[in-house]
Protein backbone atom coordinates (compact mmCIF):
# COMPACT_ATOMS: atom_id res chain seq x y z
CA MET A 1 -0.05 0.11 -0.04
CA THR A 2 1.33 3.42 -0.87
CA LYS A 3 1.39 6.26 1.51
CA PRO A 4 -1.36 8.90 0.93
CA THR A 5 0.10 12.16 -0.18
CA SER A 6 -2.80 14.72 -0.30
CA TYR A 7 -5.87 15.47 1.87
CA ASP A 8 -8.02 13.97 -0.70
CA ASP A 9 -6.06 10.73 -0.85
CA ILE A 10 -6.40 10.55 2.97
CA THR A 11 -10.07 11.24 2.78
CA ARG A 12 -10.61 8.51 0.29
CA ALA A 13 -8.68 6.03 2.31
CA THR A 14 -10.29 6.72 5.73
CA VAL A 15 -13.94 7.93 5.01
CA PRO A 16 -16.44 5.26 3.74
CA ASP A 17 -18.16 7.51 1.39
CA PRO A 18 -16.99 11.22 1.50
CA ASP A 19 -19.61 12.30 -1.12
CA SER A 20 -22.44 11.34 1.22
CA SER A 21 -21.80 14.15 3.82
CA PHE A 22 -24.26 16.80 4.65
CA ARG A 23 -24.02 19.91 2.41
CA PRO A 24 -25.73 23.18 3.67
CA SER A 25 -28.13 24.77 1.32
CA ALA A 26 -27.64 28.20 -0.09
CA ALA A 27 -30.25 29.64 2.28
CA GLN A 28 -28.33 28.10 5.18
CA LEU A 29 -25.11 29.49 4.02
CA ALA A 30 -26.77 32.93 3.76
CA GLN A 31 -28.04 32.56 7.29
CA ALA A 32 -24.61 31.59 8.50
CA ARG A 33 -23.08 34.66 7.01
CA GLU A 34 -25.79 36.89 8.51
CA GLY A 35 -25.38 35.43 12.06
CA PHE A 36 -28.71 33.62 12.17
CA ARG A 37 -29.43 31.97 15.44
CA ALA A 38 -32.33 29.57 15.55
CA LEU A 39 -34.75 30.06 18.41
CA ASP A 40 -35.67 27.38 20.98
CA ALA A 41 -39.34 26.73 21.78
CA ASP A 42 -39.56 29.29 24.66
CA GLU A 43 -37.95 31.95 22.58
CA GLU A 44 -40.33 31.21 19.63
CA ALA A 45 -43.33 31.45 22.11
CA LEU A 46 -41.99 34.71 23.52
CA ALA A 47 -41.44 36.17 20.03
CA ALA A 48 -44.97 35.21 19.09
CA ARG A 49 -46.38 37.00 22.28
CA VAL A 50 -44.26 40.13 21.32
CA HIS A 51 -45.49 40.11 17.74
CA ALA A 52 -49.06 39.65 18.80
CA ALA A 53 -48.73 42.55 21.29
CA LEU A 54 -47.18 44.75 18.70
CA ALA A 55 -49.94 43.81 16.16
CA ASP A 56 -52.62 44.94 18.54
CA CYS A 57 -51.12 48.25 19.50
CA GLY A 58 -52.41 50.24 16.58
CA VAL A 59 -49.02 51.34 15.26
CA ALA A 60 -47.63 50.50 11.78
CA ILE A 61 -44.81 48.10 12.69
CA ASP A 62 -43.42 47.41 9.19
CA ARG A 63 -40.20 48.92 10.11
CA VAL A 64 -39.91 47.47 13.60
CA THR A 65 -37.67 44.45 14.12
CA VAL A 66 -37.98 41.90 17.09
CA ASP A 67 -34.98 39.92 18.18
CA VAL A 68 -35.32 37.32 21.07
CA ALA A 69 -32.35 35.87 23.05
CA ARG A 70 -33.37 33.82 25.99
CA ALA A 71 -35.81 36.31 27.85
CA ILE A 72 -34.34 39.47 26.39
CA VAL A 73 -36.47 41.07 23.62
CA THR A 74 -34.62 43.72 21.50
CA LEU A 75 -36.89 45.99 19.55
CA GLY A 76 -35.28 47.82 16.72
CA GLY A 77 -36.20 49.98 13.69
CA ALA A 78 -38.32 53.02 13.46
CA VAL A 79 -41.74 54.37 13.88
CA GLY A 80 -43.19 57.60 12.59
CA THR A 81 -44.12 59.70 15.58
CA ALA A 82 -43.43 60.10 19.32
CA THR A 83 -46.96 58.84 19.84
CA ASP A 84 -46.39 55.71 17.89
CA LEU A 85 -43.13 55.10 19.93
CA ALA A 86 -45.11 55.43 23.22
CA LYS A 87 -47.86 53.11 22.14
CA LEU A 88 -45.28 50.51 21.04
CA GLY A 89 -43.43 50.80 24.38
CA ALA A 90 -46.68 50.44 26.29
CA ALA A 91 -47.76 47.27 24.31
CA VAL A 92 -44.63 45.30 25.32
CA GLN A 93 -43.79 46.71 28.71
CA ASP A 94 -45.89 44.16 30.76
CA LEU A 95 -45.04 40.95 28.92
CA ASP A 96 -44.39 38.35 31.60
CA GLY A 97 -40.96 36.69 31.50
CA ALA A 98 -39.48 39.33 29.11
CA GLU A 99 -36.82 42.03 29.57
CA ILE A 100 -37.52 44.58 26.90
CA VAL A 101 -34.59 46.54 25.23
CA ASP A 102 -36.24 49.25 23.21
CA ARG A 103 -33.95 50.59 20.43
CA VAL A 104 -36.75 52.00 18.19
CA VAL A 105 -36.27 55.40 17.00
CA ILE A 106 -38.56 58.04 15.43
CA SER A 107 -38.05 58.47 11.77
CA PRO A 108 -40.76 59.72 9.37
CA ALA A 109 -41.19 57.22 6.50
CA GLY A 110 -39.60 58.40 3.47
């Protein structure tokens, strides 16, 4: 037997079927580049509660982002007026089990 000389030779000699390994999809590669982190079940439930509270507050939230990490909810983006900002804050301030970090700014749509 000859001594393997390259990485590919070593792989062919030691891995039963090197071409059957998992290959990430293009979407998964993009998420990895963006820093995507999958939410666990508790985080998903908290995110759903936050989205529901925001949907019911009467403010256009198309420019508002919600990030959940454990029990910390970070709101980002922008709203059009100070009144909208106050309504948004009031909608999420009393969510059980959540610490709210509000980084929403006032910026007229444009």
